[in-house]
Amino acid sequence: MPTPNPSPRYIWQHRAWPQLTFDAAALAAALEQARLEQGRLLGLLGAIGLAQANAVQRELWVQEALATAAIEGEQLNLESLRSSVAHRLALADAPGTDRSVEGLVQVMQDALANHSTALDLDRLCRWQSALFPGGTSGITRIAVGRVRSHADAMQIVSGPLGREVVHYEAPPSAQVAAEMDCFLAWFASTRPTGAGTASATSAAVNGIARAALVHLWFESIHPFEDGNGRLGRALADMALAQDMHAHDAQASPALVRVYGLAHQMLKTRTAYYDALKRAQRLRGIEPEASTIDATPWVQWFVEAFTRACITSQAVVRDATDKAQFRLRAAQCHINPRQSKVLERLLEAGHVGSGGGFLGGMTSEKYAKITATSKATATRDLADLLAHGLLRVEGVGKATRYAVNVSGWEQPALKS
């Protein structure tokens, strides 16, 4: 299948392509840690109650969609995205009005909800078409709903015009159909077939490692003119959903969204691209090797997955803290002004979660937020303090209030 090349540079030009392998023994500890953090996350989510779990899943789905688009430099309309996600979760009657946002949400939903449905090229073409409902990427017209067919090389480049740096060059368009046939056949043959069982060819393939190989292989083919990154991450999620189902047939595949893998990739976007670029090049791979060792890439992916699960654990814990605090507040029969301010403080979060109400709450800020007098603000704050819903730091003009949640760090209070 590879095209003869006098000086091959990329893995698809190697004689062993596409035989991607990894050293299971070398990755055993990393894979075990990934399973541990995955289990902890799912355990936390299962302990917080259905309504709260749904709220967490909804918000994390929004964050995942924002992240997978942002990795490609695209900024989504947040209001439309929230509406589309709510619609998919049957929490709203209609989706958002932005068709490209709705298309991305549909792709993410189909990858997980229908993870057991056969994956074929037509389905991938429909996914790609959904990402570009107007047939354009920005103002550039592109081929949608079909694999690329242009004669020009498919390259990943950066840098100013005339001084571009080529990071990767994908197989020629003429090879894409055959490459995809091979990829899709492997994807089907390695899919776990049910809880506690797996197909004969997939018995030794760890599901998280398989998701890493899925992403690398698809991105290396780069079958479409645009949208490959978003589709590749959706395929990784689909592989993770299949893995989850193999371990627990009752588990909802939608829980894959709470892993926050795309969000983690966005946080470490440079490292993500570097790891992918290294994996796609032939450095260190012997010309006569019978397989292509993808161990470094799989290790990077597994560790990113582990960090994503740990981050999401903190999100779930924060949601639990907020729910418990709201219950405490409700039992104190506070007034609407106080509820509004407490909600602002809760939504701001804390330093440990990357948030926090900058500078802390003051009577002046309280008065402005609630459109009331400073005297009323002072009485309201004193009442919240007496109920134990706020804590105070500083004295006099330096007095600042923070939501009283155990373990929540707040920004340094300044006078």
Protein backbone atom coordinates (compact mmCIF):
# COMPACT_ATOMS: atom_id res chain seq x y z
CA MET A 1 0.00 0.00 0.00
CA PRO A 2 2.71 2.60 0.79
CA THR A 3 3.90 4.68 -2.13
CA PRO A 4 7.59 4.05 -2.98
CA ASN A 5 9.69 6.93 -1.77
CA PRO A 6 13.49 7.24 -2.01
CA SER A 7 13.67 8.92 1.40
CA PRO A 8 10.58 8.02 3.44
CA ARG A 9 9.81 10.37 6.32
CA TYR A 10 6.39 9.39 7.58
CA ILE A 11 4.99 6.18 9.07
CA TRP A 12 2.61 5.52 6.17
CA GLN A 13 5.66 5.29 3.89
CA HIS A 14 7.19 2.46 5.96
CA ARG A 15 6.98 -1.08 4.64
CA ALA A 16 5.24 -2.20 7.86
CA TRP A 17 2.45 0.37 7.72
CA PRO A 18 -0.18 0.14 9.11
CA GLN A 19 0.95 -2.48 11.65
CA LEU A 20 0.92 -0.22 14.71
CA THR A 21 2.01 -1.87 17.96
CA PHE A 22 2.97 -0.90 21.49
CA ASP A 23 4.93 -2.46 24.34
CA ALA A 24 2.22 -3.61 26.75
CA ALA A 25 4.74 -4.49 29.47
CA ALA A 26 6.38 -1.06 29.33
CA LEU A 27 2.96 0.61 29.59
CA ALA A 28 1.51 -1.71 32.25
CA ALA A 29 1.98 0.73 35.14
CA ALA A 30 0.59 3.70 33.17
CA LEU A 31 -2.41 1.69 32.02
CA GLU A 32 -3.09 0.46 35.53
CA GLN A 33 -3.00 4.04 36.85
CA ALA A 34 -5.36 5.13 34.08
CA ARG A 35 -7.84 2.42 35.05
CA LEU A 36 -7.57 3.42 38.70
CA GLU A 37 -8.33 7.09 38.03
CA GLN A 38 -11.09 6.16 35.59
CA GLY A 39 -12.71 4.01 38.26
CA ARG A 40 -12.41 6.74 40.87
CA LEU A 41 -14.08 9.23 38.55
CA LEU A 42 -16.97 6.93 37.69
CA GLY A 43 -17.37 6.04 41.36
CA LEU A 44 -17.63 9.70 42.33
CA LEU A 45 -20.14 10.36 39.58
CA GLY A 46 -22.23 7.38 40.61
CA ALA A 47 -22.39 8.62 44.21
CA ILE A 48 -23.76 12.12 43.61
CA GLY A 49 -27.28 11.32 42.44
CA LEU A 50 -28.89 11.33 39.01
CA ALA A 51 -29.92 14.99 38.77
CA GLN A 52 -26.53 16.26 39.87
CA ALA A 53 -24.70 13.74 37.66
CA ASN A 54 -26.73 14.91 34.66
CA ALA A 55 -25.83 18.51 35.39
CA VAL A 56 -22.13 17.63 35.57
CA GLN A 57 -22.32 15.63 32.35
CA ARG A 58 -24.09 18.49 30.59
CA GLU A 59 -21.46 21.03 31.58
CA LEU A 60 -18.57 18.70 30.74
CA TRP A 61 -20.08 17.98 27.33
CA VAL A 62 -20.15 21.72 26.66
CA GLN A 63 -16.53 22.01 27.77
CA GLU A 64 -15.48 19.06 25.60
CA ALA A 65 -17.15 20.56 22.53
CA LEU A 66 -15.53 23.93 23.17
CA ALA A 67 -12.15 22.24 23.61
CA THR A 68 -12.21 19.99 20.54
CA ALA A 69 -13.06 23.04 18.41
CA ALA A 70 -10.55 25.31 20.15
CA ILE A 71 -7.73 22.85 19.44
CA GLU A 72 -8.34 23.66 15.76
CA GLY A 73 -8.47 27.39 16.49
CA GLU A 74 -12.28 27.59 16.23
CA GLN A 75 -14.37 29.43 18.81
CA LEU A 76 -17.94 28.17 19.17
CA ASN A 77 -21.00 30.21 20.04
CA LEU A 78 -21.46 29.27 23.71
CA GLU A 79 -25.18 30.05 23.90
CA SER A 80 -25.93 27.97 20.80
CA LEU A 81 -23.71 25.17 22.09
CA ARG A 82 -25.50 25.03 25.45
CA SER A 83 -28.86 24.94 23.65
CA SER A 84 -27.75 22.11 21.36
CA VAL A 85 -26.37 20.07 24.24
CA ALA A 86 -29.53 20.63 26.29
CA HIS A 87 -31.62 19.53 23.30
CA ARG A 88 -29.61 16.32 22.92
CA LEU A 89 -30.15 15.61 26.61
CA ALA A 90 -33.90 16.22 26.22
CA LEU A 91 -33.64 19.30 28.43
CA ALA A 92 -34.70 21.76 25.71
CA ASP A 93 -37.28 21.62 22.93
CA ALA A 94 -35.02 22.96 20.20
CA PRO A 95 -31.29 22.94 19.42
CA GLY A 96 -29.13 26.03 19.00
CA THR A 97 -29.38 28.09 15.86
CA ASP A 98 -25.74 27.70 14.77
CA ARG A 99 -25.75 24.80 12.32
CA SER A 100 -22.02 24.06 12.59
CA VAL A 101 -22.28 23.91 16.39
CA GLU A 102 -25.30 21.62 16.16
CA GLY A 103 -23.38 19.46 13.68
CA LEU A 104 -20.47 19.01 16.08
CA VAL A 105 -22.84 18.12 18.93
CA GLN A 106 -24.57 15.57 16.68
CA VAL A 107 -21.23 13.96 15.81
CA MET A 108 -20.22 13.75 19.47
CA GLN A 109 -23.61 12.27 20.35
CA ASP A 110 -23.59 9.69 17.56
CA ALA A 111 -20.06 8.53 18.38
CA LEU A 112 -21.11 7.61 21.92
CA ALA A 113 -24.82 6.79 21.75
CA ASN A 114 -24.26 4.53 18.74
CA HIS A 115 -20.80 3.24 19.62
CA SER A 116 -21.86 -0.35 18.90
CA THR A 117 -23.18 0.48 15.41
CA ALA A 118 -20.81 -0.49 12.62
CA LEU A 119 -18.43 2.27 11.60
CA ASP A 120 -18.13 2.68 7.85
CA LEU A 121 -16.89 5.35 5.48
CA ASP A 122 -20.39 6.64 4.75
CA ARG A 123 -20.94 7.34 8.45
CA LEU A 124 -17.63 9.20 8.70
CA CYS A 125 -18.51 11.21 5.60
CA ARG A 126 -21.82 12.20 7.18
CA TRP A 127 -19.99 13.24 10.34
CA GLN A 128 -17.62 15.42 8.35
CA SER A 129 -20.50 16.94 6.39
CA ALA A 130 -22.26 17.83 9.66
CA LEU A 131 -19.23 19.87 10.74
CA PHE A 132 -19.42 22.06 7.61
CA PRO A 133 -23.14 22.50 6.80
CA GLY A 134 -22.42 25.40 4.44
CA GLY A 135 -19.76 23.51 2.51
CA THR A 136 -17.06 25.93 3.63
CA SER A 137 -14.31 26.13 6.23
CA GLY A 138 -14.29 29.81 7.07
CA ILE A 139 -14.65 31.37 3.64
CA THR A 140 -12.85 28.55 1.83
CA ARG A 141 -15.03 26.10 -0.08
CA ILE A 142 -14.11 22.50 0.75
CA ALA A 143 -15.22 19.01 -0.20
CA VAL A 144 -17.82 17.84 2.32
CA GLY A 145 -19.39 14.43 2.73
CA ARG A 146 -16.57 12.71 0.84
CA VAL A 147 -12.89 11.97 1.24
CA ARG A 148 -10.36 14.30 -0.29
CA SER A 149 -9.55 13.85 -3.96
CA HIS A 150 -7.27 16.79 -4.76
CA ALA A 151 -3.92 16.10 -6.40
CA ASP A 152 -1.98 18.45 -4.13
CA ALA A 153 -0.21 17.01 -1.12
CA MET A 154 -2.22 17.02 2.12
CA GLN A 155 0.13 18.79 4.51
CA ILE A 156 -0.06 20.08 8.06
CA VAL A 157 1.80 23.38 7.99
CA SER A 158 2.38 26.43 10.15
CA GLY A 159 4.23 29.69 9.79
CA PRO A 160 3.87 32.77 7.58
CA LEU A 161 3.32 32.54 3.83
CA GLY A 162 6.57 31.75 2.08
CA ARG A 163 8.22 30.43 5.26
CA GLU A 164 5.83 27.60 6.09
CA VAL A 165 7.01 24.66 8.17
CA VAL A 166 5.65 21.27 7.07
CA HIS A 167 4.89 19.21 10.18
CA TYR A 168 3.33 16.26 8.41
CA GLU A 169 2.32 15.09 4.96
CA ALA A 170 -0.51 12.55 4.70
CA PRO A 171 -0.84 9.78 2.09
CA PRO A 172 -1.81 10.97 -1.41
CA SER A 173 -5.54 11.32 -2.05
CA ALA A 174 -5.43 8.37 -4.46
CA GLN A 175 -4.53 6.10 -1.52
CA VAL A 176 -7.15 7.31 0.92
CA ALA A 177 -9.92 4.86 -0.01
CA ALA A 178 -7.64 1.85 0.43
CA GLU A 179 -6.17 3.29 3.63
CA MET A 180 -9.64 3.80 5.09
CA ASP A 181 -10.71 0.27 4.14
CA CYS A 182 -7.79 -1.08 6.13
CA PHE A 183 -8.43 1.22 9.10
CA LEU A 184 -12.15 0.43 9.27
CA ALA A 185 -11.53 -3.32 9.04
CA TRP A 186 -9.07 -3.10 11.94
CA PHE A 187 -11.46 -0.92 13.97
CA ALA A 188 -14.19 -3.54 13.56
CA SER A 189 -11.96 -6.53 14.28
CA THR A 190 -10.52 -5.05 17.48
CA ARG A 191 -13.81 -3.81 18.93
CA PRO A 192 -14.66 -5.37 22.30
CA THR A 193 -17.80 -7.46 21.79
CA GLY A 194 -19.42 -7.27 25.21
CA ALA A 195 -19.00 -7.17 28.96
CA GLY A 196 -16.25 -9.53 29.95
CA THR A 197 -15.59 -10.75 26.42
CA ALA A 198 -13.77 -9.55 23.34
CA SER A 199 -13.24 -10.69 19.81
CA ALA A 200 -10.36 -13.05 19.23
CA THR A 201 -8.20 -10.33 17.68
CA SER A 202 -8.84 -7.81 20.45
CA ALA A 203 -8.29 -10.02 23.50
CA ALA A 204 -4.87 -8.53 24.22
CA VAL A 205 -5.66 -4.93 23.25
CA ASN A 206 -6.19 -2.62 26.21
CA GLY A 207 -9.18 -0.37 25.42
CA ILE A 208 -7.46 2.89 26.35
CA ALA A 209 -4.39 1.97 24.30
CA ARG A 210 -6.67 1.00 21.41
CA ALA A 211 -8.24 4.47 21.53
CA ALA A 212 -4.73 5.94 21.25
CA LEU A 213 -4.01 3.84 18.16
CA VAL A 214 -7.39 4.77 16.64
CA HIS A 215 -6.57 8.45 16.96
CA LEU A 216 -3.03 8.13 15.60
CA TRP A 217 -4.04 5.96 12.65
CA PHE A 218 -6.96 8.16 11.59
CA GLU A 219 -4.98 11.37 11.93
CA SER A 220 -2.15 9.84 9.91
CA ILE A 221 -4.51 9.06 7.01
CA HIS A 222 -6.13 12.52 7.28
CA PRO A 223 -8.88 11.46 4.90
CA PHE A 224 -10.85 14.70 4.64
CA GLU A 225 -10.04 18.20 3.47
CA ASP A 226 -10.96 19.56 6.90
CA GLY A 227 -12.38 18.35 10.21
CA ASN A 228 -9.94 15.47 10.70
CA GLY A 229 -8.91 16.53 14.21
CA ARG A 230 -12.46 16.77 15.52
CA LEU A 231 -13.41 13.48 13.88
CA GLY A 232 -10.27 11.79 15.18
CA ARG A 233 -11.09 12.82 18.74
CA ALA A 234 -14.69 11.65 18.28
CA LEU A 235 -13.35 8.27 17.14
CA ALA A 236 -11.11 8.07 20.22
CA ASP A 237 -14.20 8.74 22.36
CA MET A 238 -16.10 6.08 20.44
CA ALA A 239 -13.33 3.56 21.14
CA LEU A 240 -13.41 4.51 24.84
CA ALA A 241 -17.19 4.02 24.88
CA GLN A 242 -16.76 0.55 23.39
CA ASP A 243 -14.17 -0.21 26.04
CA MET A 244 -16.49 1.01 28.79
CA HIS A 245 -19.32 -1.18 27.49
CA ALA A 246 -17.00 -4.19 27.42
CA HIS A 247 -16.25 -3.67 31.12
CA ASP A 248 -19.81 -2.81 32.16
CA ALA A 249 -22.70 -3.40 29.78
CA GLN A 250 -24.97 -1.26 32.00
CA ALA A 251 -22.71 1.81 31.95
CA SER A 252 -23.87 4.74 29.88
CA PRO A 253 -21.44 5.43 27.00
CA ALA A 254 -22.22 9.12 27.52
CA LEU A 255 -20.01 8.93 30.62
CA VAL A 256 -17.02 9.03 28.25
CA ARG A 257 -17.63 12.76 27.99
CA VAL A 258 -16.85 13.21 31.68
CA TYR A 259 -13.29 12.02 31.08
CA GLY A 260 -12.51 15.45 29.61
CA LEU A 261 -9.90 14.12 27.16
CA ALA A 262 -10.32 16.93 24.61
CA HIS A 263 -10.14 19.50 27.39
CA GLN A 264 -6.87 17.95 28.56
CA MET A 265 -5.51 17.96 25.00
CA LEU A 266 -6.38 21.63 24.69
CA LYS A 267 -4.60 22.47 27.97
CA THR A 268 -1.48 20.73 26.62
CA ARG A 269 -2.04 21.48 22.95
CA THR A 270 1.64 21.98 22.11
CA ALA A 271 2.60 18.70 23.79
CA TYR A 272 -0.35 16.99 22.06
CA TYR A 273 0.77 18.14 18.62
CA ASP A 274 4.40 17.35 19.37
CA ALA A 275 3.58 13.81 20.51
CA LEU A 276 1.43 13.23 17.43
CA LYS A 277 4.09 14.65 15.11
CA ARG A 278 6.80 12.45 16.62
CA ALA A 279 4.58 9.39 16.27
CA GLN A 280 3.92 10.13 12.60
CA ARG A 281 7.59 10.37 11.69
CA LEU A 282 9.98 7.49 11.06
CA ARG A 283 12.73 8.56 13.44
CA GLY A 284 13.86 5.59 15.51
CA ILE A 285 11.93 3.03 13.44
CA GLU A 286 14.19 0.51 11.72
CA PRO A 287 13.64 0.32 7.94
CA GLU A 288 13.30 -3.46 8.06
CA ALA A 289 10.99 -3.60 11.10
CA SER A 290 7.88 -5.74 10.66
CA THR A 291 5.76 -3.42 12.83
CA ILE A 292 5.71 0.25 13.75
CA ASP A 293 6.29 0.83 17.46
CA ALA A 294 3.82 3.48 18.68
CA THR A 295 4.64 3.03 22.37
CA PRO A 296 5.70 6.66 23.04
CA TRP A 297 2.46 7.99 21.53
CA VAL A 298 0.30 5.49 23.42
CA GLN A 299 2.10 6.42 26.65
CA TRP A 300 1.43 10.11 26.04
CA PHE A 301 -2.25 9.42 25.31
CA VAL A 302 -2.70 7.18 28.36
CA GLU A 303 -1.09 9.74 30.65
CA ALA A 304 -3.26 12.50 29.15
CA PHE A 305 -6.31 10.33 29.76
CA THR A 306 -5.23 9.80 33.38
CA ARG A 307 -4.72 13.54 33.98
CA ALA A 308 -8.11 14.23 32.36
CA CYS A 309 -9.82 11.80 34.75
CA ILE A 310 -8.13 13.43 37.75
CA THR A 311 -9.22 16.88 36.58
CA SER A 312 -12.79 15.67 36.11
CA GLN A 313 -12.76 14.14 39.60
CA ALA A 314 -12.19 17.66 40.93
CA VAL A 315 -15.12 18.92 38.84
CA VAL A 316 -17.40 16.26 40.33
CA ARG A 317 -16.20 17.04 43.86
CA ASP A 318 -16.84 20.75 43.28
CA ALA A 319 -20.36 19.93 42.06
CA THR A 320 -20.93 17.91 45.23
CA ASP A 321 -19.62 20.77 47.37
CA LYS A 322 -21.94 23.22 45.62
CA ALA A 323 -24.99 20.97 45.97
CA GLN A 324 -24.36 20.48 49.69
CA PHE A 325 -23.79 24.20 50.20
CA ARG A 326 -27.04 25.09 48.35
CA LEU A 327 -28.90 22.69 50.62
CA ARG A 328 -27.40 24.37 53.70
CA ALA A 329 -28.35 27.78 52.33
CA ALA A 330 -31.93 26.70 51.61
CA GLN A 331 -32.32 25.48 55.17
CA CYS A 332 -31.30 28.94 56.43
CA HIS A 333 -34.25 30.62 54.60
CA ILE A 334 -32.09 33.41 53.18
CA ASN A 335 -33.54 36.21 51.06
CA PRO A 336 -33.30 36.47 47.22
CA ARG A 337 -30.48 39.03 47.39
CA GLN A 338 -28.39 36.71 49.50
CA SER A 339 -29.16 33.76 47.22
CA LYS A 340 -28.04 35.75 44.19
CA VAL A 341 -24.70 36.69 45.73
CA LEU A 342 -24.01 33.20 47.07
CA GLU A 343 -24.70 31.79 43.61
CA ARG A 344 -22.22 34.26 42.09
CA LEU A 345 -19.60 33.13 44.59
CA LEU A 346 -20.33 29.45 43.95
CA GLU A 347 -20.15 29.82 40.19
CA ALA A 348 -16.86 31.72 40.49
CA GLY A 349 -15.46 28.60 42.14
CA HIS A 350 -12.13 28.64 43.92
CA VAL A 351 -8.43 28.89 43.19
CA GLY A 352 -7.94 25.13 43.19
CA SER A 353 -10.42 24.78 40.33
CA GLY A 354 -8.91 27.65 38.37
CA GLY A 355 -11.50 30.17 39.53
CA GLY A 356 -12.37 32.24 42.55
CA PHE A 357 -14.16 35.55 43.10
CA LEU A 358 -11.31 37.96 42.55
CA GLY A 359 -10.54 40.03 45.62
CA GLY A 360 -13.36 38.44 47.62
CA MET A 361 -16.85 39.83 48.24
CA THR A 362 -17.19 43.27 49.84
CA SER A 363 -20.20 45.22 51.01
CA GLU A 364 -19.68 47.61 48.06
CA LYS A 365 -19.69 44.75 45.54
CA TYR A 366 -22.69 43.19 47.26
CA ALA A 367 -24.62 46.45 47.03
CA LYS A 368 -23.80 46.80 43.34
CA ILE A 369 -24.71 43.19 42.45
CA THR A 370 -28.04 43.36 44.31
CA ALA A 371 -28.85 47.00 43.53
CA THR A 372 -29.34 47.79 47.21
CA SER A 373 -27.88 50.20 49.76
CA LYS A 374 -24.57 49.64 51.50
CA ALA A 375 -26.38 49.45 54.86
CA THR A 376 -28.61 46.64 53.59
CA ALA A 377 -25.60 44.92 52.06
CA THR A 378 -23.77 45.05 55.38
CA ARG A 379 -26.78 43.55 57.23
CA ASP A 380 -27.19 40.79 54.61
CA LEU A 381 -23.53 39.87 54.78
CA ALA A 382 -23.57 39.81 58.58
CA ASP A 383 -26.58 37.49 58.45
CA LEU A 384 -24.82 35.12 56.00
CA LEU A 385 -21.78 35.18 58.26
CA ALA A 386 -23.92 34.31 61.28
CA HIS A 387 -25.43 31.36 59.39
CA GLY A 388 -21.94 30.08 58.60
CA LEU A 389 -22.48 30.47 54.84
CA LEU A 390 -19.65 32.99 54.49
CA ARG A 391 -16.25 33.31 56.07
CA VAL A 392 -14.51 36.63 56.57
CA GLU A 393 -10.92 37.79 56.32
CA GLY A 394 -9.46 41.17 57.17
CA VAL A 395 -10.91 44.02 59.21
CA GLY A 396 -12.24 47.47 58.51
CA LYS A 397 -11.85 48.52 54.90
CA ALA A 398 -9.90 45.32 54.23
CA THR A 399 -12.89 43.12 55.16
CA ARG A 400 -13.58 40.51 52.49
CA TYR A 401 -16.08 37.64 52.42
CA ALA A 402 -15.77 34.25 50.75
CA VAL A 403 -18.18 31.35 50.42
CA ASN A 404 -17.64 29.00 53.37
CA VAL A 405 -17.01 25.66 51.70
CA SER A 406 -14.48 23.36 53.34
CA GLY A 407 -11.35 22.92 51.23
CA TRP A 408 -12.13 25.78 48.86
CA GLU A 409 -9.21 28.10 48.34
CA GLN A 410 -10.05 31.70 47.46
CA PRO A 411 -7.91 34.34 45.73
CA ALA A 412 -5.62 36.25 48.06
CA LEU A 413 -7.65 38.94 49.77
CA LYS A 414 -6.30 42.43 49.20
CA SER A 415 -7.05 45.68 50.94
